[in-house]
Amino acid sequence: MSFNETDEEIIISYKNGDQEAFKGLINRYTSPLYNFIARTTNKNDAPDMVQEVFIKVWKNINRFDENKASFKTWIFTIARNTAKDFFKKKRSLLFSDIERNENEDINSFAENIPDESLLPDEILKRLEDSKFLNKILDKLNINYKEILILHYQEEMTFDEIGKILNKPLNTVKSQHRRAIIELRKLIN
């Protein structure tokens, strides 16, 4: 595999029997997928989810249709769905644990969360800090967060994002605008 090969050329090589070609896709997409999943969910679960994405891609590579979407769009759609499924499972486990511990005071969790609000001068100092930026992004609605990360970090077009999120182009643009407005409110 050369770095100049397109995703589709690598897939054709893999389908024609070059088992090493799939490693090219893994090498190309591990970091972007990890970054996307870690920023939209959490870093602790991201490696497992990325591995799950590649297993799904490997199992379904014959279903990929380049006439419907680019490989990048297809794999990020799988990543998004994998993250959603992962958290549905995690949430159901959490609720089953809570039901088992009925005597536990659930509200005590919220009472123990420290107040992390910043003074205005601290906001300016921390704006350059990536951890601070991640905390701000974590406060956004997941739809807004996904759009911002896909557009600015993964450098995807609004059209590509619409295909990944299964939303019309104008909806993505509108949600992007609302996300920017919300982000400004959180920073101020």
Protein backbone atom coordinates (compact mmCIF):
# COMPACT_ATOMS: atom_id res chain seq x y z
CA MET A 1 0.00 0.00 0.00
CA SER A 2 1.27 3.43 -0.84
CA PHE A 3 0.16 6.62 0.88
CA ASN A 4 -1.13 7.91 -2.44
CA GLU A 5 -3.75 5.19 -2.77
CA THR A 6 -7.33 6.22 -2.18
CA ASP A 7 -9.48 4.41 0.33
CA GLU A 8 -11.42 2.84 -2.51
CA GLU A 9 -8.21 1.54 -4.16
CA ILE A 10 -7.13 -0.02 -0.86
CA ILE A 11 -10.55 -1.67 -0.49
CA ILE A 12 -10.35 -3.09 -4.01
CA SER A 13 -6.88 -4.49 -3.23
CA TYR A 14 -8.24 -6.08 -0.07
CA LYS A 15 -11.24 -7.56 -1.88
CA ASN A 16 -8.85 -8.96 -4.52
CA GLY A 17 -6.99 -10.95 -1.88
CA ASP A 18 -4.36 -8.56 -0.51
CA GLN A 19 -4.95 -9.16 3.21
CA GLU A 20 -2.31 -6.57 4.12
CA ALA A 21 -4.35 -3.82 2.46
CA PHE A 22 -6.79 -3.70 5.35
CA LYS A 23 -3.90 -2.66 7.61
CA GLY A 24 -3.62 0.43 5.42
CA LEU A 25 -7.15 1.43 6.36
CA ILE A 26 -6.42 0.75 10.01
CA ASN A 27 -3.26 2.87 9.88
CA ARG A 28 -5.07 5.67 8.08
CA TYR A 29 -8.13 5.84 10.32
CA THR A 30 -7.10 4.74 13.83
CA SER A 31 -6.02 8.18 14.97
CA PRO A 32 -8.93 10.18 13.47
CA LEU A 33 -11.48 7.67 14.81
CA TYR A 34 -9.86 7.67 18.25
CA ASN A 35 -9.89 11.47 18.35
CA PHE A 36 -13.52 11.64 17.26
CA ILE A 37 -14.70 9.00 19.73
CA ALA A 38 -12.57 10.29 22.62
CA ARG A 39 -13.82 13.83 22.13
CA THR A 40 -17.49 12.88 21.74
CA THR A 41 -17.51 10.25 24.51
CA ASN A 42 -14.50 9.65 26.73
CA LYS A 43 -10.87 8.64 26.41
CA ASN A 44 -11.14 5.58 28.65
CA ASP A 45 -13.59 3.75 26.39
CA ALA A 46 -12.30 5.11 23.07
CA PRO A 47 -9.70 2.36 22.35
CA ASP A 48 -12.31 -0.37 22.81
CA MET A 49 -14.79 1.47 20.61
CA VAL A 50 -12.19 2.05 17.86
CA GLN A 51 -11.39 -1.66 17.90
CA GLU A 52 -15.11 -2.43 17.65
CA VAL A 53 -15.40 -0.06 14.67
CA PHE A 54 -12.64 -1.87 12.78
CA ILE A 55 -14.21 -5.25 13.53
CA LYS A 56 -17.51 -3.98 12.10
CA VAL A 57 -15.74 -2.53 9.06
CA TRP A 58 -13.87 -5.80 8.47
CA LYS A 59 -17.09 -7.83 8.75
CA ASN A 60 -19.04 -5.48 6.48
CA ILE A 61 -16.41 -4.30 3.98
CA ASN A 62 -18.23 -6.12 1.17
CA ARG A 63 -21.33 -4.01 1.88
CA PHE A 64 -19.46 -0.74 1.38
CA ASP A 65 -20.79 1.03 -1.72
CA GLU A 66 -18.64 3.92 -2.91
CA ASN A 67 -21.60 5.17 -4.97
CA LYS A 68 -23.57 5.88 -1.77
CA ALA A 69 -20.85 7.50 0.34
CA SER A 70 -17.12 7.93 0.64
CA PHE A 71 -15.30 5.41 2.82
CA LYS A 72 -14.49 8.19 5.29
CA THR A 73 -18.17 9.02 5.67
CA TRP A 74 -19.05 5.33 5.97
CA ILE A 75 -16.45 4.56 8.67
CA PHE A 76 -17.32 7.66 10.72
CA THR A 77 -21.00 6.68 10.56
CA ILE A 78 -20.04 3.27 11.93
CA ALA A 79 -17.97 4.99 14.65
CA ARG A 80 -20.85 7.23 15.66
CA ASN A 81 -23.30 4.32 15.80
CA THR A 82 -20.82 2.20 17.74
CA ALA A 83 -20.41 4.96 20.33
CA LYS A 84 -24.19 5.34 20.65
CA ASP A 85 -24.65 1.57 21.08
CA PHE A 86 -21.81 1.44 23.60
CA PHE A 87 -23.43 4.07 25.78
CA LYS A 88 -26.89 2.52 25.50
CA LYS A 89 -25.40 -0.68 26.93
CA LYS A 90 -23.47 1.23 29.57
CA ARG A 91 -26.56 3.23 30.58
CA SER A 92 -28.68 0.08 30.94
CA LEU A 93 -25.98 -1.46 33.16
CA LEU A 94 -25.88 1.71 35.25
CA PHE A 95 -29.65 1.69 35.76
CA SER A 96 -29.65 -2.00 36.69
CA ASP A 97 -26.95 -1.24 39.31
CA ILE A 98 -29.03 1.61 40.69
CA GLU A 99 -32.09 -0.61 40.95
CA ARG A 100 -30.06 -3.18 42.91
CA ASN A 101 -28.97 -0.50 45.35
CA GLU A 102 -32.36 1.08 46.05
CA ASN A 103 -31.30 2.29 49.48
CA GLU A 104 -28.44 4.33 48.05
CA ASP A 105 -29.11 8.04 47.86
CA ILE A 106 -28.77 8.87 44.16
CA ASN A 107 -28.87 12.61 44.80
CA SER A 108 -25.69 12.47 46.85
CA PHE A 109 -23.76 12.06 43.59
CA ALA A 110 -24.94 15.44 42.31
CA GLU A 111 -24.20 17.10 45.66
CA ASN A 112 -20.56 15.95 45.53
CA ILE A 113 -19.77 17.42 42.12
CA PRO A 114 -17.47 20.40 42.66
CA ASP A 115 -18.35 23.80 41.23
CA GLU A 116 -15.96 24.26 38.32
CA SER A 117 -17.21 27.65 37.13
CA LEU A 118 -14.44 30.06 36.24
CA LEU A 119 -13.96 33.74 36.83
CA PRO A 120 -13.90 35.86 33.64
CA ASP A 121 -10.13 36.44 33.74
CA GLU A 122 -9.53 32.69 34.13
CA ILE A 123 -11.56 32.01 30.99
CA LEU A 124 -9.12 33.98 28.86
CA LYS A 125 -6.13 32.20 30.36
CA ARG A 126 -7.63 28.77 29.89
CA LEU A 127 -9.04 29.23 26.42
CA GLU A 128 -5.75 28.03 24.93
CA ASP A 129 -5.74 25.00 27.22
CA SER A 130 -7.06 21.94 25.36
CA LYS A 131 -8.42 20.40 28.57
CA PHE A 132 -10.49 23.52 29.14
CA LEU A 133 -11.73 23.40 25.56
CA ASN A 134 -12.71 19.75 26.02
CA LYS A 135 -14.64 20.66 29.19
CA ILE A 136 -16.49 23.36 27.28
CA LEU A 137 -17.28 20.93 24.46
CA ASP A 138 -18.53 18.40 27.01
CA LYS A 139 -21.15 20.91 28.11
CA LEU A 140 -22.61 21.10 24.61
CA ASN A 141 -25.48 19.02 23.35
CA ILE A 142 -24.04 15.86 21.75
CA ASN A 143 -25.43 16.87 18.31
CA TYR A 144 -23.58 20.19 18.45
CA LYS A 145 -20.43 18.55 19.78
CA GLU A 146 -20.36 15.97 16.98
CA ILE A 147 -20.80 18.62 14.30
CA LEU A 148 -18.02 20.83 15.69
CA ILE A 149 -15.57 17.96 16.05
CA LEU A 150 -16.29 16.50 12.62
CA HIS A 151 -16.10 19.92 10.95
CA TYR A 152 -13.10 21.46 12.72
CA GLN A 153 -11.02 18.51 13.86
CA GLU A 154 -11.75 16.00 11.12
CA GLU A 155 -12.10 18.76 8.50
CA MET A 156 -15.28 17.32 7.00
CA THR A 157 -17.72 19.29 4.90
CA PHE A 158 -21.25 19.91 6.09
CA ASP A 159 -22.42 17.55 3.36
CA GLU A 160 -20.21 14.73 4.69
CA ILE A 161 -21.38 15.45 8.24
CA GLY A 162 -25.00 15.30 7.08
CA LYS A 163 -24.42 11.85 5.64
CA ILE A 164 -22.74 10.61 8.82
CA LEU A 165 -25.46 12.03 11.08
CA ASN A 166 -28.23 11.16 8.62
CA LYS A 167 -29.45 14.77 8.59
CA PRO A 168 -30.22 17.20 5.76
CA LEU A 169 -27.49 19.67 4.82
CA ASN A 170 -29.48 22.70 6.02
CA THR A 171 -30.09 21.05 9.40
CA VAL A 172 -26.36 20.47 9.83
CA LYS A 173 -25.60 24.08 8.90
CA SER A 174 -28.27 25.34 11.29
CA GLN A 175 -27.03 23.15 14.13
CA HIS A 176 -23.46 24.30 13.43
CA ARG A 177 -24.56 27.91 13.77
CA ARG A 178 -26.42 27.13 17.02
CA ALA A 179 -23.38 25.23 18.31
CA ILE A 180 -21.15 28.26 17.71
CA ILE A 181 -23.65 30.51 19.52
CA GLU A 182 -23.84 28.05 22.44
CA LEU A 183 -20.06 27.78 22.55
CA ARG A 184 -19.74 31.56 22.78
CA LYS A 185 -22.24 31.61 25.68
CA LEU A 186 -20.26 28.96 27.53
CA ILE A 187 -16.97 30.78 27.08
CA ASN A 188 -18.38 34.14 28.25
